[in-house]
Amino acid sequence: MTNFQAILYLVSGILFILSLQGLSSADTSRRGNLFGMVGMGIAILTTFLSPKISHYFLSFLAIAAGGGVGTFIARNIPMTALPQLVAAFHSLVGLAAVFVAASALNAPGSFGIGSAASIHTSSLFEMGLGVAIGAITFTGSIVAFGKLQGLIKGNPLQFAGQHMINAALGGGIVLFLLLFMLTQSSFVFWVLVLLSFALGFLLILPIGGADMPVIVSMLNSYSGFAAAGIGFTLGNMLLIITGALVGASGAILSYIMCKGMNRSIINVILGGFGSGASAVASSAAENTRPVKAGSAEDASYILQNARSVIIVPGYGMAVAQAQHALREMADKLKAQGIKVSYAIHPVAGRMPGHMNVLLAEANVPYDDVFELEDINSDFSSCDVAFVIGANDVTNPAAKTDTTSPIYGMPILDVEKAKTVLFVKRSMASGYAGVENELFYRDNTMMLFYDAKKVCEEISKAL
């Protein structure tokens, strides 16, 4: 690598760091995205300056194919499907790491890591570790995609002896990694890949829907570390830098989310290791309890007589694509002098920042949007809490029911508001499979509507 290339790669690395910094705040997220795109553009152009690139046509063809597919997906994917899209993209990063490692094993001379008979031991370790992490990321992300898309049940899918099997697979991966370093065998390499595929599948399968936002973040971290491992194999400084950035930031975010949910990050990473059998929803018998149901006209009357309203958006809002109708309703409330705020739980939706993205798409002012720790104390003094599609993140059982899977998770204290208007299609439980105690409180009125439709009807009534 020439000094000029190294400098350009360093510039790209700095832009990626600035991108992450920008994405940490809604106000600077556009700038962060711009830094990331410019950094990636510089990285791609710099790579073409490398004397190792000889087949320019194939390279441009690959970029055109990937760019075409990416453009098509970006233009057509609904905002509600972003979480599963992210999981699917993580799987492709993991699979790419497997393919690159396989290519390096097949033609080590092309990668500058030795000859076919004597690959450098350090390179064998980097390849083996990178391919193991990449394979785990691939199948784990496929399972996460299936759960988010509804193709696989969101409830924890546990079976007897799963932790022993996972431990055996983990030990097998370590053993075959050592054997691969000693033998440089293609057979050992592919056994290592298969064991890693199996471990990724079995690690994510028993994890419930309540922890899926953490898993999306954790798989993002895995994909980064897989890329960094392959970066060492390729001798590519920028791939090492970006992989380490993605891996470290994803791991830190996962830890922060686990802390915010009162979860053990070790338990989540190891497929719910140590979780007790009592952690299941067992409140189905309470479905016969009476609830107070109301109409859009009832809700509009309550809202226009309030002084302050806190809106709590959730995944149901995303499914109904109600963010624009919600903002229009909020604007009409503001026009009547009513204070309107938005409360966002750190794991609302199915990936970090999902609700923030949807509200930003609807041009909701950033100053009106607050995180849990900044607004939770305001619920006790607000007149109306308007919950639109959120469920698990508002469930008081998280504070009282020790047998609940969400016990100990910090929630939005909406039950403290004078009146709670809860928009939901039915009495069905949330993604964690837990019935919401808030439905049965005296100060709760259920609005059994489509989220978009009820916001439009309330706006008309206002």
Protein backbone atom coordinates (compact mmCIF):
# COMPACT_ATOMS: atom_id res chain seq x y z
CA MET A 1 0.00 0.00 0.00
CA THR A 2 1.38 3.41 -0.99
CA ASN A 3 1.58 6.31 1.44
CA PHE A 4 -1.07 8.14 -0.60
CA GLN A 5 -3.51 5.25 -0.24
CA ALA A 6 -2.79 4.99 3.46
CA ILE A 7 -3.55 8.69 3.90
CA LEU A 8 -6.84 8.38 1.98
CA TYR A 9 -7.83 5.33 4.05
CA LEU A 10 -7.06 7.32 7.19
CA VAL A 11 -9.28 10.16 5.95
CA SER A 12 -12.08 7.62 5.35
CA GLY A 13 -11.60 6.22 8.86
CA ILE A 14 -11.89 9.71 10.36
CA LEU A 15 -15.06 10.38 8.36
CA PHE A 16 -16.55 7.12 9.65
CA ILE A 17 -15.80 8.18 13.21
CA LEU A 18 -17.45 11.55 12.57
CA SER A 19 -20.39 9.68 11.05
CA LEU A 20 -20.91 7.67 14.23
CA GLN A 21 -20.66 10.85 16.27
CA GLY A 22 -23.29 12.52 14.08
CA LEU A 23 -25.66 9.56 14.30
CA SER A 24 -25.68 9.82 18.09
CA SER A 25 -28.14 12.71 17.91
CA ALA A 26 -31.26 13.33 15.85
CA ASP A 27 -30.16 16.92 15.19
CA THR A 28 -26.90 15.82 13.56
CA SER A 29 -27.98 12.51 12.02
CA ARG A 30 -28.19 13.88 8.46
CA ARG A 31 -24.66 15.22 8.74
CA GLY A 32 -23.51 11.89 10.16
CA ASN A 33 -25.01 10.03 7.21
CA LEU A 34 -23.30 12.43 4.81
CA PHE A 35 -19.91 11.87 6.46
CA GLY A 36 -20.43 8.12 6.19
CA MET A 37 -21.32 8.26 2.49
CA VAL A 38 -18.37 10.50 1.63
CA GLY A 39 -16.03 8.27 3.64
CA MET A 40 -17.27 5.15 1.84
CA GLY A 41 -16.95 6.87 -1.54
CA ILE A 42 -13.33 7.75 -0.80
CA ALA A 43 -12.67 4.20 0.42
CA ILE A 44 -14.03 2.63 -2.79
CA LEU A 45 -12.12 4.98 -5.08
CA THR A 46 -8.92 4.47 -3.08
CA THR A 47 -9.26 0.70 -3.33
CA PHE A 48 -9.29 0.97 -7.13
CA LEU A 49 -5.90 2.69 -6.95
CA SER A 50 -4.38 -0.48 -5.51
CA PRO A 51 -2.06 -2.36 -7.89
CA LYS A 52 -3.69 -5.59 -6.64
CA ILE A 53 -6.85 -4.71 -8.58
CA SER A 54 -6.53 -6.21 -12.06
CA HIS A 55 -10.09 -7.11 -13.09
CA TYR A 56 -11.73 -3.70 -13.18
CA PHE A 57 -14.67 -4.89 -15.24
CA LEU A 58 -15.63 -7.57 -12.71
CA SER A 59 -15.20 -5.09 -9.87
CA PHE A 60 -17.44 -2.50 -11.51
CA LEU A 61 -19.93 -5.21 -12.39
CA ALA A 62 -20.10 -6.29 -8.72
CA ILE A 63 -20.54 -2.69 -7.58
CA ALA A 64 -23.28 -2.09 -10.16
CA ALA A 65 -25.11 -5.26 -9.13
CA GLY A 66 -24.89 -4.52 -5.41
CA GLY A 67 -25.68 -0.84 -5.90
CA GLY A 68 -28.67 -1.67 -8.09
CA VAL A 69 -30.12 -4.09 -5.56
CA GLY A 70 -29.44 -1.64 -2.73
CA THR A 71 -31.11 1.23 -4.59
CA PHE A 72 -34.16 -0.88 -5.38
CA ILE A 73 -34.52 -1.97 -1.76
CA ALA A 74 -33.98 1.55 -0.40
CA ARG A 75 -36.67 2.99 -2.69
CA ASN A 76 -39.26 0.29 -1.99
CA ILE A 77 -38.76 -0.91 1.58
CA PRO A 78 -41.36 0.46 4.01
CA MET A 79 -40.08 2.19 7.13
CA THR A 80 -41.79 -0.48 9.22
CA ALA A 81 -39.51 -3.15 7.73
CA LEU A 82 -36.24 -1.40 8.60
CA PRO A 83 -35.43 -3.69 11.56
CA GLN A 84 -35.64 -6.89 9.51
CA LEU A 85 -33.81 -5.16 6.65
CA VAL A 86 -30.94 -4.36 9.01
CA ALA A 87 -30.88 -7.98 10.21
CA ALA A 88 -30.84 -9.22 6.61
CA PHE A 89 -27.95 -6.91 5.72
CA HIS A 90 -26.01 -8.14 8.75
CA SER A 91 -26.38 -11.67 7.42
CA LEU A 92 -24.82 -10.62 4.12
CA VAL A 93 -21.81 -9.11 5.89
CA GLY A 94 -21.29 -12.38 7.75
CA LEU A 95 -21.65 -14.42 4.56
CA ALA A 96 -19.19 -12.12 2.77
CA ALA A 97 -16.64 -12.84 5.51
CA VAL A 98 -17.10 -16.59 4.90
CA PHE A 99 -16.63 -16.18 1.14
CA VAL A 100 -13.52 -14.01 1.49
CA ALA A 101 -11.94 -16.49 3.91
CA ALA A 102 -12.75 -19.38 1.54
CA SER A 103 -11.19 -17.44 -1.35
CA ALA A 104 -8.07 -16.72 0.68
CA LEU A 105 -7.73 -20.42 1.54
CA ASN A 106 -8.17 -21.40 -2.10
CA ALA A 107 -5.70 -18.82 -3.51
CA PRO A 108 -3.46 -17.53 -0.70
CA GLY A 109 -0.91 -16.13 -3.12
CA SER A 110 -3.45 -13.66 -4.45
CA PHE A 111 -3.97 -12.34 -0.93
CA GLY A 112 -0.27 -12.20 -0.03
CA ILE A 113 -0.61 -14.59 2.90
CA GLY A 114 1.73 -17.35 1.69
CA SER A 115 1.58 -20.24 -0.75
CA ALA A 116 -0.99 -22.98 -1.19
CA ALA A 117 1.05 -25.36 0.96
CA SER A 118 2.21 -22.94 3.64
CA ILE A 119 -0.16 -20.15 4.62
CA HIS A 120 1.15 -18.00 7.45
CA THR A 121 -0.05 -19.27 10.84
CA SER A 122 -1.22 -15.79 11.85
CA SER A 123 -3.29 -15.58 8.65
CA LEU A 124 -4.84 -18.98 9.34
CA PHE A 125 -5.90 -17.75 12.79
CA GLU A 126 -7.36 -14.54 11.33
CA MET A 127 -9.21 -16.48 8.62
CA GLY A 128 -10.55 -19.06 11.06
CA LEU A 129 -11.70 -16.51 13.61
CA GLY A 130 -13.21 -14.26 10.94
CA VAL A 131 -15.07 -17.09 9.27
CA ALA A 132 -16.42 -18.37 12.62
CA ILE A 133 -17.77 -14.94 13.60
CA GLY A 134 -19.08 -14.37 10.08
CA ALA A 135 -20.90 -17.71 9.95
CA ILE A 136 -22.47 -17.13 13.39
CA THR A 137 -23.55 -13.67 12.23
CA PHE A 138 -25.08 -15.09 9.04
CA THR A 139 -27.39 -17.71 10.55
CA GLY A 140 -28.09 -15.62 13.67
CA SER A 141 -29.19 -12.71 11.49
CA ILE A 142 -31.37 -15.00 9.38
CA VAL A 143 -33.18 -16.15 12.54
CA ALA A 144 -33.53 -12.54 13.73
CA PHE A 145 -34.96 -11.60 10.32
CA GLY A 146 -37.44 -14.47 10.57
CA LYS A 147 -38.61 -13.38 14.02
CA LEU A 148 -38.93 -9.72 13.05
CA GLN A 149 -40.76 -10.61 9.84
CA GLY A 150 -43.12 -12.91 11.72
CA LEU A 151 -41.91 -16.04 9.93
CA ILE A 152 -40.69 -17.44 13.27
CA LYS A 153 -42.58 -17.09 16.55
CA GLY A 154 -41.36 -14.20 18.69
CA ASN A 155 -41.66 -16.22 21.89
CA PRO A 156 -38.45 -17.83 23.23
CA LEU A 157 -38.09 -21.23 21.54
CA GLN A 158 -36.33 -23.26 24.19
CA PHE A 159 -35.68 -26.98 24.47
CA ALA A 160 -34.02 -29.31 26.94
CA GLY A 161 -30.23 -29.37 26.79
CA GLN A 162 -29.90 -26.37 24.49
CA HIS A 163 -27.16 -24.78 26.58
CA MET A 164 -25.16 -28.00 26.63
CA ILE A 165 -25.46 -28.23 22.85
CA ASN A 166 -24.37 -24.60 22.46
CA ALA A 167 -21.43 -25.21 24.78
CA ALA A 168 -20.45 -28.30 22.77
CA LEU A 169 -20.66 -26.34 19.50
CA GLY A 170 -18.56 -23.54 21.01
CA GLY A 171 -15.94 -26.04 22.14
CA GLY A 172 -16.00 -27.68 18.71
CA ILE A 173 -15.40 -24.33 17.03
CA VAL A 174 -12.35 -23.68 19.21
CA LEU A 175 -11.04 -27.21 18.55
CA PHE A 176 -11.45 -27.02 14.78
CA LEU A 177 -9.96 -23.52 14.72
CA LEU A 178 -6.81 -24.95 16.31
CA LEU A 179 -6.85 -27.93 13.93
CA PHE A 180 -7.21 -25.55 10.98
CA MET A 181 -4.16 -23.60 12.11
CA LEU A 182 -2.18 -26.84 12.41
CA THR A 183 -3.35 -28.63 9.27
CA GLN A 184 -4.49 -25.92 6.83
CA SER A 185 -7.12 -28.47 5.78
CA SER A 186 -10.05 -27.45 3.60
CA PHE A 187 -12.15 -30.18 5.22
CA VAL A 188 -11.44 -28.77 8.70
CA PHE A 189 -12.22 -25.27 7.41
CA TRP A 190 -15.68 -26.25 6.17
CA VAL A 191 -16.45 -28.20 9.34
CA LEU A 192 -15.59 -25.02 11.24
CA VAL A 193 -18.01 -23.11 9.00
CA LEU A 194 -20.82 -25.63 9.55
CA LEU A 195 -20.36 -25.67 13.33
CA SER A 196 -20.48 -21.85 13.35
CA PHE A 197 -23.62 -21.84 11.19
CA ALA A 198 -25.28 -24.20 13.68
CA LEU A 199 -24.20 -22.15 16.72
CA GLY A 200 -25.51 -18.90 15.22
CA PHE A 201 -28.88 -20.53 14.57
CA LEU A 202 -29.20 -22.07 18.05
CA LEU A 203 -27.97 -18.93 19.88
CA ILE A 204 -30.67 -16.64 18.48
CA LEU A 205 -33.57 -19.12 18.28
CA PRO A 206 -34.30 -19.21 22.06
CA ILE A 207 -34.18 -15.41 22.45
CA GLY A 208 -37.60 -13.81 22.83
CA GLY A 209 -39.06 -10.82 21.05
CA ALA A 210 -38.54 -8.51 24.05
CA ASP A 211 -34.78 -8.84 23.60
CA MET A 212 -34.77 -8.63 19.79
CA PRO A 213 -33.63 -4.95 19.65
CA VAL A 214 -30.54 -5.97 21.63
CA ILE A 215 -29.95 -8.89 19.26
CA VAL A 216 -30.10 -6.64 16.19
CA SER A 217 -27.49 -4.40 17.81
CA MET A 218 -25.37 -7.38 18.88
CA LEU A 219 -25.43 -8.94 15.40
CA ASN A 220 -24.32 -5.58 14.06
CA SER A 221 -21.36 -5.85 16.41
CA TYR A 222 -20.59 -9.39 15.24
CA SER A 223 -20.63 -8.31 11.61
CA GLY A 224 -18.11 -5.58 12.42
CA PHE A 225 -15.74 -7.96 14.17
CA ALA A 226 -16.07 -10.43 11.28
CA ALA A 227 -15.13 -7.66 8.85
CA ALA A 228 -12.17 -6.66 11.02
CA GLY A 229 -10.92 -10.25 11.15
CA ILE A 230 -11.06 -10.55 7.37
CA GLY A 231 -9.40 -7.13 7.14
CA PHE A 232 -6.32 -8.63 8.77
CA THR A 233 -6.39 -11.49 6.24
CA LEU A 234 -6.58 -9.03 3.35
CA GLY A 235 -4.08 -6.66 4.91
CA ASN A 236 -6.63 -3.87 4.46
CA MET A 237 -6.20 -1.14 7.07
CA LEU A 238 -9.53 0.54 6.38
CA LEU A 239 -11.48 -2.71 6.71
CA ILE A 240 -9.82 -3.28 10.07
CA ILE A 241 -10.67 0.28 11.22
CA THR A 242 -14.30 0.20 10.07
CA GLY A 243 -14.85 -3.33 11.34
CA ALA A 244 -13.49 -2.37 14.75
CA LEU A 245 -15.66 0.77 14.81
CA VAL A 246 -18.82 -1.16 13.96
CA GLY A 247 -17.95 -4.00 16.34
CA ALA A 248 -17.11 -1.77 19.29
CA SER A 249 -20.03 0.65 18.82
CA GLY A 250 -22.49 -2.23 18.41
CA ALA A 251 -21.20 -3.92 21.55
CA ILE A 252 -21.40 -0.69 23.56
CA LEU A 253 -24.94 -0.01 22.32
CA SER A 254 -25.97 -3.57 23.21
CA TYR A 255 -24.58 -3.14 26.72
CA ILE A 256 -26.39 0.18 27.16
CA MET A 257 -29.66 -1.36 25.98
CA CYS A 258 -29.27 -4.39 28.25
CA LYS A 259 -28.63 -2.08 31.16
CA GLY A 260 -31.72 -0.05 30.25
CA MET A 261 -33.80 -3.25 30.11
CA ASN A 262 -32.34 -4.75 33.29
CA ARG A 263 -31.00 -7.63 31.22
CA SER A 264 -27.71 -9.50 31.53
CA ILE A 265 -25.79 -9.02 28.29
CA ILE A 266 -24.11 -12.40 28.86
CA ASN A 267 -27.53 -14.09 29.07
CA VAL A 268 -28.66 -12.42 25.87
CA ILE A 269 -25.48 -13.23 23.95
CA LEU A 270 -25.56 -16.86 25.07
CA GLY A 271 -29.14 -17.41 24.00
CA GLY A 272 -30.89 -16.69 27.29
CA PHE A 273 -28.46 -18.77 29.37
CA GLY A 274 -29.53 -18.90 32.99
CA SER A 275 -33.11 -17.76 32.39
CA GLY A 276 -35.57 -19.64 34.50
CA ALA A 277 -38.53 -21.63 33.27
CA SER A 278 -40.83 -19.38 35.25
CA ALA A 279 -40.14 -16.51 32.91
CA VAL A 280 -43.19 -17.09 30.79
CA ALA A 281 -46.39 -15.22 30.28
CA SER A 282 -49.09 -16.90 32.30
CA SER A 283 -51.88 -14.38 32.46
CA ALA A 284 -54.16 -15.74 29.75
CA ALA A 285 -56.79 -16.54 32.36
CA GLU A 286 -57.16 -12.83 33.07
CA ASN A 287 -58.44 -12.06 29.56
CA THR A 288 -62.03 -12.08 30.84
CA ARG A 289 -61.51 -9.01 33.03
CA PRO A 290 -63.54 -5.98 31.91
CA VAL A 291 -61.91 -3.04 30.16
CA LYS A 292 -63.15 0.47 29.40
CA ALA A 293 -63.46 1.06 25.65
CA GLY A 294 -64.10 4.39 23.94
CA SER A 295 -64.53 6.01 20.55
CA ALA A 296 -62.51 8.56 18.62
CA GLU A 297 -65.04 11.21 19.64
CA ASP A 298 -64.53 10.32 23.32
CA ALA A 299 -60.78 10.58 22.86
CA SER A 300 -60.99 13.95 21.10
CA TYR A 301 -63.14 15.36 23.91
CA ILE A 302 -60.64 14.19 26.55
CA LEU A 303 -57.66 15.48 24.55
CA GLN A 304 -59.04 18.96 23.85
CA ASN A 305 -59.81 19.43 27.55
CA ALA A 306 -56.26 18.55 28.56
CA ARG A 307 -53.46 20.98 29.30
CA SER A 308 -50.62 18.56 28.59
CA VAL A 309 -50.46 15.39 26.47
CA ILE A 310 -47.61 12.90 26.24
CA ILE A 311 -47.66 10.66 23.18
CA VAL A 312 -46.02 7.23 23.45
CA PRO A 313 -45.41 5.73 19.98
CA GLY A 314 -44.71 2.04 19.46
CA TYR A 315 -44.39 -0.58 16.78
CA GLY A 316 -48.17 -0.56 16.18
CA MET A 317 -47.82 3.01 14.96
CA ALA A 318 -45.12 1.83 12.57
CA VAL A 319 -47.22 -1.04 11.21
CA ALA A 320 -50.16 1.30 10.52
CA GLN A 321 -47.81 3.97 9.12
CA ALA A 322 -49.62 6.43 11.35
CA GLN A 323 -46.77 8.83 12.06
CA HIS A 324 -48.00 11.52 9.65
CA ALA A 325 -51.60 11.33 10.92
CA LEU A 326 -50.28 11.43 14.47
CA ARG A 327 -48.25 14.58 13.81
CA GLU A 328 -51.30 16.23 12.22
CA MET A 329 -53.35 15.38 15.32
CA ALA A 330 -50.61 16.76 17.57
CA ASP A 331 -50.42 19.97 15.53
CA LYS A 332 -54.16 20.55 16.04
CA LEU A 333 -53.76 20.03 19.79
CA LYS A 334 -50.89 22.53 19.86
CA ALA A 335 -53.03 25.03 17.95
CA GLN A 336 -55.46 24.90 20.89
CA GLY A 337 -52.66 25.73 23.34
CA ILE A 338 -52.14 22.18 24.59
CA LYS A 339 -48.60 21.11 25.39
CA VAL A 340 -47.64 17.99 23.40
CA SER A 341 -44.55 15.84 23.97
CA TYR A 342 -43.36 12.47 22.70
CA ALA A 343 -41.88 9.83 25.00
CA ILE A 344 -39.52 7.27 23.43
CA HIS A 345 -38.47 4.08 25.17
CA PRO A 346 -34.93 2.96 24.23
CA VAL A 347 -36.25 -0.33 22.85
CA ALA A 348 -39.53 0.92 21.35
CA GLY A 349 -40.05 -0.73 17.98
CA ARG A 350 -37.78 -3.54 16.90
CA MET A 351 -34.40 -1.85 16.66
CA PRO A 352 -32.65 1.07 18.40
CA GLY A 353 -33.94 4.44 17.20
CA HIS A 354 -36.85 2.97 15.22
CA MET A 355 -39.44 5.39 16.63
CA ASN A 356 -37.11 8.38 16.31
CA VAL A 357 -36.67 7.64 12.60
CA LEU A 358 -40.41 7.38 11.99
CA LEU A 359 -41.17 10.62 13.85
CA ALA A 360 -38.38 12.41 11.98
CA GLU A 361 -39.89 11.17 8.71
CA ALA A 362 -43.16 12.86 9.73
CA ASN A 363 -41.26 16.09 10.55
CA VAL A 364 -42.03 15.96 14.26
CA PRO A 365 -39.85 18.67 15.88
CA TYR A 366 -36.80 17.20 17.62
CA ASP A 367 -37.46 19.44 20.63
CA ASP A 368 -40.77 17.64 21.27
CA VAL A 369 -39.17 14.17 21.47
CA PHE A 370 -37.77 12.93 24.77
CA GLU A 371 -36.06 9.75 25.94
CA LEU A 372 -37.38 7.73 28.87
CA GLU A 373 -35.06 9.15 31.51
CA ASP A 374 -35.86 12.73 30.47
CA ILE A 375 -39.66 12.51 30.50
CA ASN A 376 -40.68 9.69 32.85
CA SER A 377 -41.15 12.04 35.79
CA ASP A 378 -43.61 14.15 33.75
CA PHE A 379 -46.29 11.46 33.45
CA SER A 380 -47.53 12.04 37.01
CA SER A 381 -48.38 15.66 36.15
CA CYS A 382 -49.73 15.23 32.63
CA ASP A 383 -53.44 15.05 31.84
CA VAL A 384 -53.37 12.47 29.04
CA ALA A 385 -50.93 9.79 28.00
CA PHE A 386 -51.74 8.81 24.41
CA VAL A 387 -50.24 5.35 23.79
CA ILE A 388 -50.28 4.47 20.11
CA GLY A 389 -49.16 0.93 19.38
CA ALA A 390 -46.70 0.56 22.27
CA ASN A 391 -47.22 -2.39 24.59
CA ASP A 392 -44.37 -4.04 26.47
CA VAL A 393 -42.62 -0.72 27.17
CA THR A 394 -45.68 0.56 29.09
CA ASN A 395 -46.56 -2.61 31.00
CA PRO A 396 -46.63 -2.06 34.81
CA ALA A 397 -46.03 -5.81 35.27
CA ALA A 398 -42.36 -5.06 34.60
CA LYS A 399 -42.30 -3.49 38.07
CA THR A 400 -44.53 -5.90 39.98
CA ASP A 401 -44.64 -9.41 38.45
CA THR A 402 -41.44 -11.30 39.26
CA THR A 403 -42.46 -14.18 36.96
CA SER A 404 -42.78 -11.94 33.92
CA PRO A 405 -40.15 -12.09 31.15
CA ILE A 406 -39.99 -8.29 31.22
CA TYR A 407 -39.66 -8.00 35.02
CA GLY A 408 -37.08 -5.38 35.93
CA MET A 409 -37.18 -3.65 32.55
CA PRO A 410 -37.53 0.13 32.97
CA ILE A 411 -40.85 1.22 31.47
CA LEU A 412 -42.56 4.49 30.62
CA ASP A 413 -44.72 5.37 33.65
CA VAL A 414 -47.85 6.08 31.61
CA GLU A 415 -50.11 4.58 34.30
CA LYS A 416 -49.36 7.68 36.43
CA ALA A 417 -51.12 10.01 33.97
CA LYS A 418 -54.63 11.21 34.88
CA THR A 419 -56.03 9.50 31.77
CA VAL A 420 -54.45 6.90 29.50
CA LEU A 421 -55.77 6.56 25.95
CA PHE A 422 -54.45 3.25 24.62
CA VAL A 423 -54.71 2.71 20.86
CA LYS A 424 -54.63 -0.97 19.95
CA ARG A 425 -56.41 -3.23 17.48
CA SER A 426 -57.20 -5.90 20.06
CA MET A 427 -56.36 -7.19 23.53
CA ALA A 428 -53.54 -9.35 22.15
CA SER A 429 -50.27 -9.39 24.07
CA GLY A 430 -47.19 -7.54 22.89
CA TYR A 431 -44.11 -8.89 21.14
CA ALA A 432 -42.80 -10.35 24.40
CA GLY A 433 -45.96 -12.43 24.74
CA VAL A 434 -46.99 -10.70 27.99
CA GLU A 435 -50.45 -9.31 28.74
CA ASN A 436 -50.40 -5.60 29.60
CA GLU A 437 -51.79 -4.80 33.06
CA LEU A 438 -52.35 -1.23 31.94
CA PHE A 439 -55.40 -2.29 29.91
CA TYR A 440 -57.37 -2.95 33.09
CA ARG A 441 -56.55 0.20 35.06
CA ASP A 442 -59.40 2.53 36.02
CA ASN A 443 -57.77 5.50 34.30
CA THR A 444 -57.26 3.64 30.98
CA MET A 445 -59.57 3.92 27.99
CA MET A 446 -58.95 1.44 25.18
CA LEU A 447 -59.37 2.65 21.58
CA PHE A 448 -59.76 -0.47 19.45
CA TYR A 449 -58.84 1.08 16.12
CA ASP A 450 -56.21 1.03 13.45
CA ALA A 451 -53.65 3.58 14.65
CA LYS A 452 -53.75 5.71 11.51
CA LYS A 453 -57.54 5.70 11.30
CA VAL A 454 -58.06 6.75 14.92
CA CYS A 455 -55.61 9.66 14.59
CA GLU A 456 -57.42 10.85 11.46
CA GLU A 457 -60.82 10.59 13.15
CA ILE A 458 -59.60 12.42 16.26
CA SER A 459 -58.20 15.16 14.01
CA LYS A 460 -61.57 15.56 12.30
CA ALA A 461 -63.35 15.72 15.65
CA LEU A 462 -60.88 18.33 16.91
